[in-house]
Structures are given as C-alpha cells and as structure tokens.
Amino acid sequence: MRRRALAAAVAALLLAAGIAAPARGAAAELVLNGSALRDLTGWTAAGQSGEVDVRRVTGLRGAPAGTAVQLSRPAASGAWAFALARLTGGFVPGRSYRMTVWARDTAGTGSRLGMLLANGAWEHRPAGVIEFGTLAGTGWRRMTRTLVATSAGAADTGFYLSLPAGGPFTIQVTGLTVQAVTAPLPARVSGAPSRVITFAGAAGSAPDSRVWNHDLGAGGWGNGELQTYTSSGDNVRLDGAGRLLITVRRDERGGLTSARLTTRGKVAVPAGSYVEASLTAPVGAGVWPAFWLLGTSMEKVGWPACGELDVFEGTGAEPTLAKSAAHLPDAADPRLDRPYDWGEGGATTDLGVPLDAGPHRFGVYFDATVVRFFLDRKPTMTLWASDAVVSGRSWTFGKPQFLLVNVAVAGDVDSSATSFPRTMTVGPISIWTGGVPA
C-alpha cells in the first residue's frame, strides 16, 4: 500500500508541474525501489577509485518520500563513479518514457549529477539520452528528461546515476521513476508545402535578393572560424538546375573565402512549422557546413536568448557523421548557452557513407512544446519544453525563426591537408505549417 501511495504522490507532483501522465495501458513504474522505502534492494554503486558508500536515510523533508538513498565517498580521483537502480522491465521501441530523480548535495558543494538508462558499463541503453544537472545549494532538486526508446534495453539495464568522478561527495537521491508517458509530438500533415524557397535561375547567377542576405567579413564569427564570407560568385551561385552552390576556396594569398546566407528580415518560419532542405555536404578536416535557424528576436535579445536550431552540421574530419543541436538560454542568465548538442541521443547520426556521396534531407519541426529533428524524414533527436524548463533553461521555440546556410572552416582543426575548393549543394527549402509531412 505504501508503494501505491508513493506512486500516486509522485504522479500528482508530476501533474502539478505540467508533465505528461503515464501512457494508457503502460506499466506505472519501471524502477524497482526508487526511494528505498524499506531497504536498499536493487541498488549498487561503484567508482574507478574508491568505493561509493550506499546507505538508506529516513526522516527527510521536501522530497516525494521521507526516505532516500545516500551516496557518498571521501576524496578520491578517477574517471567515473556511478550508482545503479534496478528496473523491473524493458522498453517498447518508439514509445516515449520519462525518467525523473530528486536529488540534493548535502554539503552544498555544487556536485554534478547525470541520469540515463544503461548498465554499469554504460551499455544496453534503450536510448542515448542523458541529462546532467548541478546540485546548487543543499535543497532538493528535481531532474527530469523525456526520451523515445530506440531499443528494448536488456536485463541489466538500470537507472544509471553518473556521480562526481573525483573529490568527496555526499548526494541523496529519491523518487526515481521511469514511466511510459504520452508526450506531445508533431502532427502529421498531407499535401504540398506551405512555401518552397527555390533556387531557380541561370547558372552562375546570385540567389534571390528578395529572400536572402549575405553575411560578409571575417573575424571568427564567434567560433574562431578561419574563412572570410563574401557575396562573390566564386563562393555562392546558382547551378542552373534549381540548386544553390556554396564554395570554400583558398585565395591567392592562402586565405579562405566562403559564403553565408540568411533570410533575416525577409523570410521567417512560424512556430508550428516543419522546414526541410536537401543537402550534399562537403567533407575534409576543418570543413564545417551547416543549415540552421535563429530566432527572429536575435537583434532585440541577442544570442542565445533568441534560440538556435542546428538542423544539420557536418564536421569534415568525420565525413560520415550528420549532427544536430539546439541552443537555449539559461533561465537565470539568458547570456549563458545551455545547449542540447552533438552528444545527445539522436543528435549525431552515422550515415555509413560520406556526406558528399549524395543528397540527404535534413529537417526540423518546432513549436512551444516540442522540437524534433529529422534525417531523410526519420526522427532523430526530440526535445520537450517541459524538460528544458525543469532543467533551468528557457524554451524559445514558440516564436518565429529565420534560415541560414553556410560553409565555415573551423579554427580549432588543422585543415592544412584539406584541398580546396569544397562545395555544399543546397536544394529547394520546403516549409510545412501545422506538422510534419506524412
């Protein structure tokens, strides 16, 4: 009865926080003993250097239960330390789940805690999602993250807590839950796109100035980039067959030139839209092609407060990898970037062939509740506003975005062995409002 009462209490807390309820017909709870109600059944912990002490504590206030698991270790060094809570079952691929933990750092030292689903070797993961948070102060903090299962997991898959690898810590955790939930996803729409931005025109001509602006100049562009952006036909032109060509070249002085186009002030994509482009991207060490969006509020609020969606990025030294990311501001300090980036589950896809072998369709849907990236119309990374808000981020994707396409050269990669020119081919950019095309 106490377990049922706890489950009801946790469900009430989640509902009050605006988080989706468990999916109909799904198991209410997959964590065997998430609050150590009676004992430490199902709990283990280990560290590369120094044992992690695991004990049950009682009489706690401010958390979903009066009991918790206390994880502690004196000063030690190492590359990893973790605790693992056993699960009672597996996962259904394609179904959404939400993992939640309440945690506190009893010493208020700002310990960093991560949560994911894995075994003790970081394997048998039903999804690649991981969430890290800093436990500021000594109060309880709720961490939560939604995921879409891509596999069933395995018998040894558990609720994995990544603990500080070095130094002393005493962290208490309780209310661990993993539940199947009905999380909002983009609707499916049929029919033609609401708008298509074409690259029609004679070979060698410039892209439509009614749609596109040229960003010009050098200076690193906030990333230490090496190239200078120009509007020259040597760097940006139409191919005469409905495509845009952006070319990085080495000039006679040994410098690099390229192009970056934006629709800022001319074309905005409204929230609740899916936008997609067909790209054949260049590869080579240092080559950094991208198709991305920025919030139209950028000039008013700055970056990252405006929000950024990187629909596609290529890192040329990894020629088969396609990457996506979302940049959001910290809720307390909107000048601080709190991204979901390339290490997130689904954010990096290995195509198995180089990006320059042929075109792929890269797309993203965004609105006030969800962002979902796609590669060749298959979903990759999905992010939810409810998770972002709980983690201390501001969700900025309920507002319009403008488009950018460019090829940069990374300043932190040795590109001396890369031969130039290198060209990205961009097909028509299609926009659907109301959902993702079926």
Protein backbone atom coordinates (compact mmCIF):
# COMPACT_ATOMS: atom_id res chain seq x y z
CA MET A 1 0.00 0.00 0.00
CA ARG A 2 2.85 2.38 0.78
CA ARG A 3 4.28 1.80 -2.73
CA ARG A 4 0.90 2.63 -4.28
CA ALA A 5 0.62 5.76 -2.15
CA LEU A 6 4.10 6.88 -3.21
CA ALA A 7 3.32 6.29 -6.88
CA ALA A 8 0.16 8.37 -6.53
CA ALA A 9 2.06 11.16 -4.78
CA VAL A 10 4.77 11.24 -7.44
CA ALA A 11 2.16 11.24 -10.20
CA ALA A 12 0.42 14.19 -8.53
CA LEU A 13 3.68 16.11 -8.32
CA LEU A 14 4.43 15.49 -11.99
CA LEU A 15 0.93 16.52 -13.00
CA ALA A 16 1.19 19.72 -10.98
CA ALA A 17 4.44 20.50 -12.80
CA GLY A 18 2.73 20.19 -16.19
CA ILE A 19 4.37 16.89 -17.12
CA ALA A 20 2.50 14.29 -19.14
CA ALA A 21 0.78 11.41 -17.39
CA PRO A 22 1.82 7.77 -17.83
CA ALA A 23 0.74 6.31 -21.14
CA ARG A 24 -2.54 4.43 -21.03
CA GLY A 25 -2.04 0.70 -20.60
CA ALA A 26 1.65 1.04 -19.71
CA ALA A 27 3.34 -0.15 -16.53
CA ALA A 28 3.02 2.65 -13.97
CA GLU A 29 6.62 2.38 -12.77
CA LEU A 30 9.77 0.67 -14.06
CA VAL A 31 12.13 1.49 -11.19
CA LEU A 32 12.08 -1.29 -8.61
CA ASN A 33 12.92 0.70 -5.47
CA GLY A 34 13.40 4.33 -6.39
CA SER A 35 13.03 5.75 -2.88
CA ALA A 36 14.43 2.90 -0.74
CA LEU A 37 11.10 2.70 1.08
CA ARG A 38 12.05 -0.35 3.16
CA ASP A 39 15.60 -1.32 2.23
CA LEU A 40 18.25 -0.98 -0.48
CA THR A 41 17.03 -3.78 -2.72
CA GLY A 42 18.15 -3.23 -6.32
CA TRP A 43 20.80 -0.58 -5.54
CA THR A 44 24.52 -0.85 -6.38
CA ALA A 45 27.31 1.70 -6.73
CA ALA A 46 30.96 1.72 -7.80
CA GLY A 47 33.83 4.06 -8.63
CA GLN A 48 37.08 3.72 -10.52
CA SER A 49 38.96 4.98 -7.48
CA GLY A 50 37.46 4.49 -4.04
CA GLU A 51 34.28 2.65 -3.09
CA VAL A 52 31.00 4.53 -3.08
CA ASP A 53 29.09 4.10 0.18
CA VAL A 54 25.38 3.35 -0.24
CA ARG A 55 23.01 3.70 2.68
CA ARG A 56 19.34 4.32 3.35
CA VAL A 57 18.33 7.52 5.15
CA THR A 58 14.95 8.34 6.69
CA GLY A 59 13.04 11.27 8.14
CA LEU A 60 13.60 13.56 5.16
CA ARG A 61 11.51 16.59 4.25
CA GLY A 62 10.95 18.40 0.95
CA ALA A 63 11.14 15.32 -1.27
CA PRO A 64 8.44 12.96 -2.64
CA ALA A 65 9.24 10.40 0.09
CA GLY A 66 10.61 10.52 3.61
CA THR A 67 13.34 8.08 2.63
CA ALA A 68 16.27 8.32 0.25
CA VAL A 69 19.46 6.64 -0.87
CA GLN A 70 22.61 8.40 0.30
CA LEU A 71 25.66 8.04 -1.97
CA SER A 72 28.96 9.22 -0.55
CA ARG A 73 32.70 8.92 -0.91
CA PRO A 74 35.69 10.67 0.63
CA ALA A 75 38.19 12.42 -1.60
CA ALA A 76 39.32 10.22 -4.49
CA SER A 77 40.32 10.57 -8.13
CA GLY A 78 39.19 8.62 -11.13
CA ALA A 79 37.38 8.81 -14.44
CA TRP A 80 33.99 7.57 -13.26
CA ALA A 81 31.67 6.75 -10.39
CA PHE A 82 28.05 5.66 -10.57
CA ALA A 83 25.02 4.25 -8.80
CA LEU A 84 22.53 1.92 -10.44
CA ALA A 85 18.89 1.29 -9.51
CA ARG A 86 17.35 -1.89 -10.90
CA LEU A 87 14.43 -1.76 -13.32
CA THR A 88 11.51 -4.16 -13.41
CA GLY A 89 11.09 -4.46 -17.17
CA GLY A 90 12.15 -3.41 -20.64
CA PHE A 91 11.14 -0.76 -23.13
CA VAL A 92 9.00 -0.64 -26.25
CA PRO A 93 10.88 0.92 -29.20
CA GLY A 94 9.12 4.03 -30.44
CA ARG A 95 7.35 4.68 -27.13
CA SER A 96 8.05 7.79 -25.05
CA TYR A 97 9.29 7.48 -21.47
CA ARG A 98 10.21 9.96 -18.78
CA MET A 99 12.91 9.47 -16.16
CA THR A 100 12.90 11.58 -13.02
CA VAL A 101 15.05 11.83 -9.89
CA TRP A 102 15.00 14.11 -6.85
CA ALA A 103 18.50 14.87 -5.56
CA ARG A 104 20.39 17.07 -3.13
CA ASP A 105 24.03 17.74 -2.29
CA THR A 106 24.09 17.69 1.49
CA ALA A 107 27.27 19.77 1.64
CA GLY A 108 26.15 22.33 -0.95
CA THR A 109 29.38 21.95 -2.94
CA GLY A 110 27.68 22.04 -6.34
CA SER A 111 28.06 18.38 -7.24
CA ARG A 112 27.19 17.44 -10.81
CA LEU A 113 24.77 14.55 -11.30
CA GLY A 114 23.81 12.77 -14.50
CA MET A 115 20.96 10.38 -15.24
CA LEU A 116 20.44 7.93 -18.06
CA LEU A 117 19.31 4.37 -18.73
CA ALA A 118 22.21 1.90 -19.02
CA ASN A 119 24.05 -0.92 -17.29
CA GLY A 120 27.16 -0.39 -15.19
CA ALA A 121 29.36 -0.35 -18.30
CA TRP A 122 27.30 2.43 -19.96
CA GLU A 123 25.89 -0.17 -22.37
CA HIS A 124 22.48 -1.71 -23.16
CA ARG A 125 20.93 1.74 -23.46
CA PRO A 126 17.34 1.88 -24.75
CA ALA A 127 18.01 5.49 -25.78
CA GLY A 128 21.06 7.72 -25.99
CA VAL A 129 19.53 10.46 -23.85
CA ILE A 130 21.41 11.71 -20.79
CA GLU A 131 20.68 14.69 -18.55
CA PHE A 132 23.24 16.40 -16.30
CA GLY A 133 22.46 18.93 -13.62
CA THR A 134 24.38 20.84 -10.96
CA LEU A 135 23.01 20.46 -7.43
CA ALA A 136 23.28 24.03 -6.23
CA GLY A 137 22.78 24.66 -2.51
CA THR A 138 21.54 21.95 -0.17
CA GLY A 139 17.89 21.86 -1.20
CA TRP A 140 16.16 19.16 -3.20
CA ARG A 141 16.22 19.47 -6.97
CA ARG A 142 14.05 17.58 -9.42
CA MET A 143 15.74 16.42 -12.63
CA THR A 144 13.62 15.01 -15.43
CA ARG A 145 14.09 14.04 -19.07
CA THR A 146 11.83 12.54 -21.71
CA LEU A 147 13.10 10.09 -24.31
CA VAL A 148 11.91 7.94 -27.17
CA ALA A 149 13.11 4.35 -26.81
CA THR A 150 15.06 3.04 -29.77
CA SER A 151 15.58 -0.45 -28.34
CA ALA A 152 14.17 -2.66 -25.60
CA GLY A 153 17.27 -2.43 -23.41
CA ALA A 154 18.45 -5.57 -21.61
CA ALA A 155 18.02 -7.44 -18.35
CA ASP A 156 20.85 -5.45 -16.75
CA THR A 157 19.65 -2.02 -17.94
CA GLY A 158 19.05 0.18 -14.92
CA PHE A 159 18.51 3.78 -13.87
CA TYR A 160 22.12 4.97 -14.03
CA LEU A 161 23.25 7.94 -11.93
CA SER A 162 26.57 9.43 -13.02
CA LEU A 163 28.33 10.64 -9.86
CA PRO A 164 31.29 13.04 -9.49
CA ALA A 165 34.40 11.20 -10.68
CA GLY A 166 36.81 12.94 -8.33
CA GLY A 167 36.74 14.58 -4.94
CA PRO A 168 34.42 13.93 -1.99
CA PHE A 169 30.63 13.98 -2.27
CA THR A 170 27.51 13.14 -0.31
CA ILE A 171 24.43 13.08 -2.51
CA GLN A 172 20.95 11.94 -1.54
CA VAL A 173 18.51 10.71 -4.19
CA THR A 174 14.88 9.67 -4.02
CA GLY A 175 11.75 9.49 -6.16
CA LEU A 176 13.50 7.76 -9.06
CA THR A 177 10.86 6.97 -11.66
CA VAL A 178 10.79 5.73 -15.23
CA GLN A 179 7.33 5.81 -16.74
CA ALA A 180 5.86 5.46 -20.19
CA VAL A 181 4.22 8.79 -20.99
CA THR A 182 2.16 10.36 -23.70
CA ALA A 183 4.46 13.21 -24.71
CA PRO A 184 3.46 15.79 -27.36
CA LEU A 185 4.81 15.09 -30.83
CA PRO A 186 4.34 16.96 -34.12
CA ALA A 187 1.16 16.29 -36.04
CA ARG A 188 1.32 14.69 -39.48
CA VAL A 189 0.11 16.77 -42.42
CA SER A 190 -0.59 15.87 -46.02
CA GLY A 191 -0.36 17.83 -49.20
CA ALA A 192 2.12 20.27 -50.67
CA PRO A 193 4.38 22.52 -48.60
CA SER A 194 3.03 25.87 -47.47
CA ARG A 195 6.04 27.51 -49.09
CA VAL A 196 9.03 26.44 -51.14
CA ILE A 197 12.12 28.63 -51.33
CA THR A 198 13.60 27.78 -54.69
CA PHE A 199 16.97 28.41 -56.26
CA ALA A 200 15.69 28.87 -59.78
CA GLY A 201 17.82 30.96 -62.10
CA ALA A 202 20.57 30.87 -64.65
CA ALA A 203 23.79 29.07 -63.84
CA GLY A 204 26.24 31.41 -62.13
CA SER A 205 23.62 33.94 -61.07
CA ALA A 206 23.13 35.14 -57.50
CA PRO A 207 20.40 33.82 -55.17
CA ASP A 208 17.18 35.84 -54.94
CA SER A 209 17.91 39.05 -53.02
CA ARG A 210 14.23 39.28 -52.02
CA VAL A 211 14.80 36.19 -49.87
CA TRP A 212 18.49 36.08 -49.00
CA ASN A 213 21.02 38.36 -47.32
CA HIS A 214 24.79 37.91 -47.43
CA ASP A 215 26.71 37.94 -44.16
CA LEU A 216 30.09 39.44 -45.01
CA GLY A 217 33.56 39.61 -43.49
CA ALA A 218 35.93 37.73 -41.24
CA GLY A 219 36.65 37.94 -37.51
CA GLY A 220 35.89 34.39 -36.42
CA TRP A 221 32.10 34.73 -36.21
CA GLY A 222 32.10 33.77 -32.53
CA ASN A 223 33.61 30.35 -33.24
CA GLY A 224 37.20 31.14 -34.21
CA GLU A 225 36.37 30.43 -37.87
CA LEU A 226 39.10 30.93 -40.46
CA GLN A 227 37.15 31.96 -43.55
CA THR A 228 36.07 35.35 -44.82
CA TYR A 229 32.47 35.45 -46.05
CA THR A 230 31.84 37.15 -49.40
CA SER A 231 29.00 37.65 -51.88
CA SER A 232 31.24 36.76 -54.81
CA GLY A 233 30.03 34.34 -57.43
CA ASP A 234 33.20 32.38 -56.73
CA ASN A 235 31.70 31.49 -53.35
CA VAL A 236 27.93 31.49 -53.86
CA ARG A 237 25.92 30.96 -57.04
CA LEU A 238 23.06 29.06 -58.60
CA ASP A 239 23.83 25.95 -60.66
CA GLY A 240 21.07 26.48 -63.24
CA ALA A 241 19.27 23.29 -62.17
CA GLY A 242 17.40 24.67 -59.13
CA ARG A 243 20.21 24.36 -56.60
CA LEU A 244 22.45 26.69 -54.63
CA LEU A 245 26.22 26.17 -54.51
CA ILE A 246 28.30 27.48 -51.60
CA THR A 247 32.02 27.00 -52.17
CA VAL A 248 35.01 27.42 -49.87
CA ARG A 249 38.12 28.47 -51.77
CA ARG A 250 41.71 29.25 -50.94
CA ASP A 251 42.68 32.59 -52.46
CA GLU A 252 45.99 33.62 -53.99
CA ARG A 253 47.27 34.80 -50.60
CA GLY A 254 46.44 31.49 -48.94
CA GLY A 255 43.36 32.77 -47.16
CA LEU A 256 39.96 31.06 -47.22
CA THR A 257 36.74 32.55 -48.57
CA SER A 258 33.19 31.21 -48.39
CA ALA A 259 29.57 32.40 -48.09
CA ARG A 260 26.83 32.59 -45.50
CA LEU A 261 23.25 33.39 -46.49
CA THR A 262 20.38 34.32 -44.16
CA THR A 263 16.70 35.21 -44.56
CA ARG A 264 16.79 37.61 -41.59
CA GLY A 265 14.18 40.35 -42.06
CA LYS A 266 12.86 38.74 -45.25
CA VAL A 267 11.54 35.24 -44.58
CA ALA A 268 10.53 33.94 -41.16
CA VAL A 269 9.37 30.40 -40.39
CA PRO A 270 6.49 30.47 -37.90
CA ALA A 271 6.39 28.22 -34.86
CA GLY A 272 4.41 25.07 -35.56
CA SER A 273 6.27 24.51 -38.83
CA TYR A 274 8.48 21.84 -40.34
CA VAL A 275 11.32 23.08 -42.52
CA GLU A 276 13.48 20.82 -44.70
CA ALA A 277 16.35 21.12 -47.15
CA SER A 278 18.10 18.61 -49.37
CA LEU A 279 21.87 18.95 -48.94
CA THR A 280 25.00 17.39 -50.34
CA ALA A 281 27.65 18.50 -47.87
CA PRO A 282 31.41 18.80 -48.31
CA VAL A 283 33.90 16.90 -46.15
CA GLY A 284 37.55 17.33 -45.22
CA ALA A 285 39.30 18.28 -41.99
CA GLY A 286 38.13 21.71 -40.82
CA VAL A 287 35.22 21.94 -43.28
CA TRP A 288 32.07 22.89 -41.37
CA PRO A 289 28.85 23.04 -43.46
CA ALA A 290 25.56 23.94 -41.78
CA PHE A 291 21.83 24.51 -42.28
CA TRP A 292 20.28 26.22 -39.27
CA LEU A 293 17.71 28.60 -37.79
CA LEU A 294 17.85 31.55 -35.40
CA GLY A 295 15.03 33.30 -33.57
CA THR A 296 13.83 36.49 -35.24
CA SER A 297 14.20 38.21 -31.86
CA MET A 298 18.00 37.99 -32.11
CA GLU A 299 18.60 41.69 -32.73
CA LYS A 300 16.46 42.56 -29.73
CA VAL A 301 17.51 39.93 -27.16
CA GLY A 302 20.81 38.61 -28.54
CA TRP A 303 22.19 35.10 -28.67
CA PRO A 304 21.50 32.55 -27.19
CA ALA A 305 18.34 34.19 -25.80
CA CYS A 306 16.81 34.11 -29.29
CA GLY A 307 17.30 30.33 -29.59
CA GLU A 308 19.11 28.38 -32.30
CA LEU A 309 18.25 25.15 -34.12
CA ASP A 310 21.12 23.49 -35.96
CA VAL A 311 19.24 21.27 -38.37
CA PHE A 312 22.45 19.95 -39.88
CA GLU A 313 26.13 20.40 -39.13
CA GLY A 314 29.00 18.47 -40.64
CA THR A 315 32.45 18.18 -39.13
CA GLY A 316 34.52 17.33 -42.17
CA ALA A 317 37.12 15.21 -40.37
CA GLU A 318 34.23 12.85 -39.53
CA PRO A 319 32.88 12.55 -43.06
CA THR A 320 30.01 10.13 -42.39
CA LEU A 321 28.50 11.95 -39.38
CA ALA A 322 25.50 14.29 -39.56
CA LYS A 323 24.86 16.34 -36.42
CA SER A 324 22.08 18.46 -34.94
CA ALA A 325 21.85 20.71 -31.89
CA ALA A 326 19.55 23.15 -30.10
CA HIS A 327 20.89 26.18 -28.24
CA LEU A 328 18.75 27.60 -25.45
CA PRO A 329 19.46 30.29 -22.85
CA ASP A 330 19.81 29.68 -19.14
CA ALA A 331 16.64 30.83 -17.39
CA ALA A 332 18.55 32.79 -14.75
CA ASP A 333 21.13 34.25 -17.14
CA PRO A 334 19.95 34.48 -20.78
CA ARG A 335 23.52 35.25 -21.87
CA LEU A 336 24.53 31.70 -20.93
CA ASP A 337 24.19 28.98 -23.57
CA ARG A 338 22.61 25.72 -22.30
CA PRO A 339 22.61 23.54 -25.44
CA TYR A 340 21.36 20.09 -26.25
CA ASP A 341 24.25 19.28 -28.52
CA TRP A 342 26.05 16.59 -30.52
CA GLY A 343 26.45 14.16 -27.60
CA GLU A 344 22.68 13.90 -27.04
CA GLY A 345 20.74 10.83 -28.00
CA GLY A 346 19.87 11.06 -31.69
CA ALA A 347 21.86 14.25 -32.25
CA THR A 348 24.62 12.51 -34.21
CA THR A 349 23.83 10.05 -36.99
CA ASP A 350 26.39 7.92 -38.80
CA LEU A 351 25.24 7.66 -42.41
CA GLY A 352 27.78 4.98 -43.22
CA VAL A 353 28.88 6.88 -46.33
CA PRO A 354 30.50 10.32 -46.68
CA LEU A 355 28.21 13.35 -46.70
CA ASP A 356 29.45 14.30 -50.16
CA ALA A 357 28.35 10.97 -51.67
CA GLY A 358 24.84 12.30 -52.38
CA PRO A 359 21.96 14.39 -51.06
CA HIS A 360 20.09 13.85 -47.80
CA ARG A 361 17.00 15.62 -46.46
CA PHE A 362 17.51 17.43 -43.16
CA GLY A 363 14.50 18.84 -41.34
CA VAL A 364 13.18 20.15 -38.04
CA TYR A 365 9.77 20.79 -36.53
CA PHE A 366 9.48 23.33 -33.70
CA ASP A 367 6.74 24.84 -31.55
CA ALA A 368 6.03 25.90 -27.96
CA THR A 369 6.16 22.32 -26.61
CA VAL A 370 8.47 20.20 -28.76
CA VAL A 371 11.39 20.24 -31.21
CA ARG A 372 12.01 17.22 -33.39
CA PHE A 373 14.85 16.79 -35.88
CA PHE A 374 14.65 14.53 -38.93
CA LEU A 375 17.11 12.96 -41.36
CA ASP A 376 15.57 11.64 -44.58
CA ARG A 377 12.16 12.02 -42.86
CA LYS A 378 13.16 9.74 -39.97
CA PRO A 379 13.15 11.33 -36.49
CA THR A 380 16.49 11.65 -34.76
CA MET A 381 16.63 13.92 -31.67
CA THR A 382 13.44 15.02 -29.88
CA LEU A 383 13.34 17.72 -27.18
CA TRP A 384 10.48 18.83 -24.96
CA ALA A 385 9.83 22.22 -23.38
CA SER A 386 8.80 20.63 -20.07
CA ASP A 387 12.25 19.05 -19.65
CA ALA A 388 14.05 22.25 -20.64
CA VAL A 389 12.15 24.33 -18.09
CA VAL A 390 12.76 21.86 -15.25
CA SER A 391 16.49 21.89 -16.08
CA GLY A 392 16.68 25.67 -15.76
CA ARG A 393 16.57 26.55 -19.44
CA SER A 394 14.20 28.94 -21.20
CA TRP A 395 12.25 27.45 -24.11
CA THR A 396 12.47 29.84 -27.04
CA PHE A 397 10.99 27.82 -29.89
CA GLY A 398 7.39 29.00 -29.70
CA LYS A 399 8.41 32.01 -31.83
CA PRO A 400 9.44 32.52 -35.49
CA GLN A 401 12.89 31.63 -36.80
CA PHE A 402 14.86 32.70 -39.85
CA LEU A 403 17.07 30.48 -42.02
CA LEU A 404 20.82 30.29 -42.52
CA VAL A 405 23.05 28.20 -44.80
CA ASN A 406 26.83 28.40 -44.82
CA VAL A 407 30.13 26.58 -45.05
CA ALA A 408 32.72 27.62 -42.45
CA VAL A 409 36.26 26.44 -41.75
CA ALA A 410 36.89 25.58 -38.12
CA GLY A 411 39.81 27.35 -36.48
CA ASP A 412 40.42 24.62 -33.92
CA VAL A 413 41.02 21.88 -36.53
CA ASP A 414 44.13 21.51 -38.68
CA SER A 415 42.82 21.95 -42.21
CA SER A 416 46.23 22.31 -43.87
CA ALA A 417 45.94 18.91 -45.54
CA THR A 418 42.44 19.63 -46.90
CA SER A 419 42.37 20.52 -50.56
CA PHE A 420 40.06 23.31 -51.69
CA PRO A 421 37.62 24.20 -53.23
CA ARG A 422 34.88 22.36 -51.31
CA THR A 423 31.21 22.88 -52.20
CA MET A 424 27.85 22.38 -50.49
CA THR A 425 24.86 21.87 -52.77
CA VAL A 426 21.52 23.07 -51.38
CA GLY A 427 18.21 22.07 -52.95
CA PRO A 428 14.89 23.89 -52.54
CA ILE A 429 13.91 24.56 -48.92
CA SER A 430 10.35 23.46 -48.14
CA ILE A 431 8.17 24.62 -45.24
CA TRP A 432 5.01 22.91 -43.99
CA THR A 433 2.85 24.60 -41.36
CA GLY A 434 0.93 22.60 -38.77
CA GLY A 435 3.08 19.48 -38.70
CA VAL A 436 5.47 17.13 -40.41
CA PRO A 437 4.67 15.81 -43.91
CA ALA A 438 3.33 12.27 -43.87
